[in-house]
Protein backbone atom coordinates (compact mmCIF):
# COMPACT_ATOMS: atom_id res chain seq x y z
CA MET A 1 -1.24 -51.94 -34.41
CA ASN A 2 -0.45 -50.66 -30.90
CA GLY A 3 2.17 -53.40 -30.57
CA LEU A 4 3.78 -52.39 -33.85
CA LYS A 5 3.85 -48.73 -32.79
CA SER A 6 6.01 -49.73 -29.83
CA MET A 7 8.76 -50.30 -32.44
CA LEU A 8 8.75 -46.67 -33.60
CA GLY A 9 12.28 -45.26 -33.51
CA MET A 10 13.84 -48.74 -33.57
CA GLU A 11 15.84 -50.27 -36.41
CA VAL A 12 13.78 -53.09 -37.87
CA GLU A 13 13.87 -55.74 -40.57
CA LEU A 14 10.78 -55.77 -42.77
CA GLU A 15 9.74 -58.36 -45.35
CA ILE A 16 7.21 -57.36 -48.00
CA SER A 17 5.55 -59.11 -50.95
CA GLY A 18 8.02 -60.63 -53.39
CA LYS A 19 10.35 -61.74 -50.56
CA THR A 20 11.90 -58.28 -50.52
CA ILE A 21 13.59 -57.38 -47.22
CA PHE A 22 14.25 -53.83 -46.03
CA SER A 23 16.23 -52.70 -43.01
CA GLY A 24 15.79 -49.28 -41.49
CA ILE A 25 14.51 -47.15 -38.66
CA LEU A 26 10.74 -47.25 -38.29
CA ILE A 27 9.92 -43.53 -38.52
CA ASP A 28 6.13 -43.45 -38.71
CA MET A 29 3.15 -45.76 -38.97
CA GLY A 30 -0.52 -45.32 -39.81
CA LEU A 31 -3.37 -47.76 -40.35
CA ASP A 32 -2.32 -48.59 -43.92
CA MET A 33 1.24 -47.27 -44.42
CA LEU A 34 4.59 -47.13 -42.67
CA VAL A 35 7.80 -45.16 -43.23
CA LEU A 36 11.33 -46.57 -42.96
CA TYR A 37 14.60 -44.62 -43.07
CA ASN A 38 17.44 -46.80 -44.39
CA GLY A 39 20.25 -44.36 -43.66
CA THR A 40 20.06 -42.52 -46.99
CA LYS A 41 16.40 -42.31 -48.03
CA PHE A 42 12.85 -42.72 -46.80
CA LEU A 43 10.72 -45.68 -47.92
CA TYR A 44 6.93 -45.32 -47.83
CA ILE A 45 5.46 -48.83 -47.75
CA PRO A 46 1.74 -49.79 -47.80
CA ILE A 47 1.07 -52.14 -44.88
CA ASN A 48 -1.01 -54.31 -47.23
CA HIS A 49 2.30 -55.67 -48.58
CA MET A 50 3.93 -56.25 -45.20
CA HIS A 51 4.58 -59.92 -44.40
CA SER A 52 6.62 -59.55 -41.22
CA ILE A 53 8.53 -57.00 -39.17
CA LYS A 54 10.97 -57.54 -36.32
CA LYS A 55 13.55 -55.62 -34.36
CA LYS A 56 17.00 -55.79 -35.96
CA LEU A 57 19.36 -57.51 -33.52
CA GLU A 58 22.48 -55.78 -34.81
CA PRO A 59 21.63 -52.17 -35.75
CA GLU A 60 23.57 -50.65 -38.64
CA ILE A 61 22.23 -47.07 -38.65
CA PHE A 62 23.83 -44.94 -35.97
CA GLU A 63 23.04 -41.44 -37.20
CA GLU A 64 19.81 -39.58 -36.47
CA PRO A 65 17.39 -39.50 -39.42
CA PRO A 66 16.39 -36.06 -40.78
CA LYS A 67 13.64 -34.48 -38.69
CA ASN A 68 11.47 -33.44 -41.66
CA LEU A 69 9.87 -36.16 -43.76
CA PRO A 70 10.03 -35.55 -47.53
CA ILE A 71 6.26 -36.18 -47.83
CA GLN A 72 4.34 -34.43 -45.09
CA ASN A 73 1.02 -35.64 -43.68
CA PRO A 74 -1.17 -33.42 -41.46
CA VAL A 75 -0.56 -34.07 -37.75
CA GLU A 76 -4.28 -34.17 -37.01
CA THR A 77 -4.96 -36.96 -39.53
CA GLY A 78 -1.65 -38.82 -39.33
CA LEU A 79 -0.04 -41.06 -41.94
CA SER A 80 -2.26 -42.69 -44.55
CA TYR A 81 -1.66 -44.26 -47.95
CA ARG A 82 -4.09 -42.10 -49.95
CA LYS A 83 -3.03 -38.84 -48.28
CA THR A 84 0.63 -39.70 -48.89
CA LEU A 85 -0.07 -40.25 -52.60
CA ASN A 86 -1.95 -36.95 -52.83
CA ASN A 87 0.76 -35.06 -50.93
CA ALA A 88 3.44 -36.59 -53.17
CA LYS A 89 1.90 -35.28 -56.40
CA GLY A 90 4.49 -33.45 -58.47
CA GLN A 91 7.48 -34.72 -56.45
CA PHE A 92 10.09 -36.86 -58.16
CA LEU A 93 9.67 -40.43 -56.95
CA GLU A 94 10.99 -43.94 -57.41
CA ILE A 95 8.18 -46.47 -57.17
CA PHE A 96 8.24 -50.26 -57.26
CA VAL A 97 5.35 -52.19 -58.77
CA THR A 98 6.39 -55.37 -60.58
CA GLY A 99 9.35 -57.69 -61.12
CA ASN A 100 12.74 -56.28 -60.16
CA ARG A 101 12.27 -52.92 -61.91
CA SER A 102 11.42 -49.59 -60.38
CA ILE A 103 9.81 -46.66 -62.20
CA HIS A 104 10.98 -43.06 -61.92
CA GLY A 105 8.79 -40.00 -62.34
CA TYR A 106 5.93 -38.34 -60.51
CA ILE A 107 2.25 -38.72 -59.67
CA THR A 108 -0.12 -36.42 -61.57
CA SER A 109 -3.50 -37.72 -60.27
CA VAL A 110 -4.84 -40.01 -57.55
CA MET A 111 -8.07 -41.73 -58.53
CA ASN A 112 -10.32 -44.21 -56.68
CA ASP A 113 -8.08 -47.28 -57.00
CA TYR A 114 -5.17 -46.23 -59.20
CA ILE A 115 -2.71 -43.40 -59.77
CA VAL A 116 -1.75 -41.60 -62.94
CA PHE A 117 2.06 -41.52 -63.09
CA TYR A 118 4.29 -39.66 -65.53
CA SER A 119 7.58 -41.40 -66.39
CA PRO A 120 10.23 -39.97 -68.75
CA VAL A 121 10.60 -43.52 -70.13
CA TYR A 122 7.03 -44.86 -70.24
CA LYS A 123 5.20 -41.48 -70.38
CA THR A 124 1.69 -41.62 -68.88
CA MET A 125 1.06 -44.77 -66.85
CA PHE A 126 -1.94 -46.03 -64.89
CA ILE A 127 -0.85 -47.95 -61.78
CA SER A 128 -3.15 -49.98 -59.54
CA MET A 129 -2.92 -48.75 -55.94
CA GLN A 130 -3.25 -52.28 -54.58
CA HIS A 131 -0.03 -53.32 -56.37
CA LEU A 132 2.21 -50.34 -55.52
CA LYS A 133 4.71 -51.91 -53.10
CA TRP A 134 6.76 -48.87 -52.06
CA LEU A 135 7.73 -45.37 -53.05
CA THR A 136 10.81 -43.28 -52.31
CA PRO A 137 10.98 -39.51 -52.77
CA TYR A 138 14.09 -38.17 -54.50
CA ASN A 139 16.44 -35.84 -52.70
CA SER A 140 15.30 -32.31 -53.54
CA HIS A 141 18.32 -31.56 -55.76
CA LEU A 142 18.02 -34.71 -57.92
CA THR A 143 15.90 -35.43 -60.98
CA PRO A 144 15.28 -38.76 -62.77
CA TYR A 145 18.15 -39.64 -65.11
CA THR A 146 19.68 -36.20 -64.26
CA LEU A 147 17.27 -34.67 -66.79
CA SER A 148 16.67 -30.94 -66.56
CA ASN A 149 13.43 -29.70 -65.04
CA GLU A 150 12.53 -28.35 -68.48
CA SER A 151 12.62 -31.94 -69.76
CA LEU A 152 10.26 -33.07 -67.02
CA PRO A 153 7.17 -30.89 -67.22
CA VAL A 154 4.04 -32.00 -65.40
CA VAL A 155 2.39 -33.19 -68.57
CA PRO A 156 -1.40 -33.31 -68.32
CA SER A 157 -2.51 -36.44 -70.11
CA ASN A 158 -4.74 -35.85 -73.11
CA ILE A 159 -6.34 -39.20 -72.31
CA PRO A 160 -9.67 -38.84 -70.46
CA ILE A 161 -9.07 -39.87 -66.84
CA MET A 162 -11.76 -42.11 -65.33
CA ARG A 163 -12.51 -42.84 -61.67
CA THR A 164 -11.48 -46.50 -61.53
CA PHE A 165 -8.78 -48.67 -63.09
CA GLU A 166 -11.38 -50.80 -64.88
CA GLU A 167 -13.23 -47.78 -66.27
CA GLN A 168 -9.92 -46.34 -67.49
CA LEU A 169 -9.12 -49.54 -69.37
CA GLN A 170 -12.60 -49.62 -70.89
CA LYS A 171 -11.87 -46.16 -72.29
CA ASN A 172 -8.76 -47.59 -73.97
CA GLN A 173 -10.51 -50.46 -75.76
CA GLY A 174 -9.36 -50.78 -79.35
CA GLN A 175 -5.91 -49.37 -78.55
CA LEU A 176 -2.47 -50.98 -78.32
CA ILE A 177 -1.47 -51.20 -74.65
CA VAL A 178 1.29 -52.64 -72.48
CA PHE A 179 0.54 -54.24 -69.09
CA ASP A 180 3.19 -54.53 -66.36
CA MET A 181 5.86 -52.88 -68.54
CA GLY A 182 5.77 -55.84 -70.94
CA ASP A 183 7.20 -58.39 -68.49
CA ASN A 184 5.36 -61.04 -70.52
CA PRO A 185 4.85 -60.91 -74.33
CA ASP A 186 1.21 -61.87 -73.78
CA LYS A 187 0.69 -58.64 -71.83
CA VAL A 188 1.35 -56.50 -74.91
CA GLY A 189 -1.39 -56.18 -77.49
CA LEU A 190 -4.63 -54.70 -78.73
CA LEU A 191 -7.15 -54.28 -75.92
CA LYS A 192 -10.18 -56.08 -77.33
CA SER A 193 -12.58 -55.99 -74.39
CA ILE A 194 -13.09 -56.13 -70.61
CA SER A 195 -15.92 -58.22 -69.19
CA ASN A 196 -16.49 -59.62 -65.67
CA ASN A 197 -12.97 -58.47 -64.66
CA ILE A 198 -11.41 -60.43 -67.53
CA VAL A 199 -9.21 -58.51 -69.98
CA HIS A 200 -9.07 -59.78 -73.58
CA LEU A 201 -5.90 -58.89 -75.51
CA ILE A 202 -4.94 -59.67 -79.09
CA THR A 203 -1.17 -60.29 -79.09
CA ALA A 204 1.36 -59.57 -81.84
CA ASP A 205 0.77 -62.96 -83.50
CA GLY A 206 -2.99 -62.40 -83.63
CA GLU A 207 -3.77 -64.82 -80.81
CA SER A 208 -6.08 -64.07 -77.88
CA ALA A 209 -4.75 -63.76 -74.33
CA PHE A 210 -7.03 -63.37 -71.32
CA TRP A 211 -5.95 -61.81 -68.01
CA LYS A 212 -7.66 -61.38 -64.66
CA LEU A 213 -7.87 -57.62 -64.07
CA TYR A 214 -7.08 -57.95 -60.35
CA HIS A 215 -3.59 -59.27 -61.11
CA LEU A 216 -2.63 -56.55 -63.60
CA LYS A 217 -0.48 -53.91 -61.94
CA SER A 218 0.18 -51.16 -64.47
CA VAL A 219 -0.66 -50.12 -68.00
CA HIS A 220 0.74 -47.64 -70.47
CA LEU A 221 0.19 -46.81 -74.10
CA PRO A 222 3.26 -47.35 -76.31
C-alpha cells in the first residue's frame, strides 16, 4: 500500500473487474478504496475490484482538481469504503454494478454487506457491497434524469430491512423479484427459497432456476 500511495497526485491508468479501464489523477487512497479524478468527476472505486494500476505515460489532465471532495471522510480515520457509503447517503450518485449499465439514485441505508439504494427507475434496490464496482457523486446542481427534487424524495422503504443480503432475500420469499436488473431471463421470477447460499427461483415458464447467492449482485421488486 505504501508503494501505491507514492502515486498520489499522479495521473494513472487503472484496470478494474470487467476489463474496465479508467484514467485520472489519483486523489486519495485508503485500505479498501481509492479516488480518481478524471477531469470532470470523481470516481470512488473499491480496491477489491482493482486489477492493476500504473502511471500514465502521457498525461491528459492539466488542470488542478477541485480541492474539496464531494464525499468527505474524517481526516482522523481517512478514506474507507464503508464510511464513504455512509457519508454518501442522500447524495445523488451514479453507481456501476453489473453489465454495461449504471444505476442512478441515492443510498438510503448501509447494512452489513449490502446497501439499500433508491432509483427513480427501479425504485428500492438491494445491492451487494462486494459487487459495487464504483460510484460517482453528481455535481451539486444536477439530479438524475433532470427530475425535480420533489420527484426524488428520500423514500423510506416499507419493506423490513434486515442486516445481511441473505436475510433480506429470505424476507422476500414468495415474492416476484428481479436479480441483476434482469440481465438474464432466468434471474426474474418467484423467489421460492434460499438454502446453503443457493437461491431457488421459479421463472416465467414455471421452470426452476438455481443461483449461487455469492454471484448475485442486486435485487429489486418489480
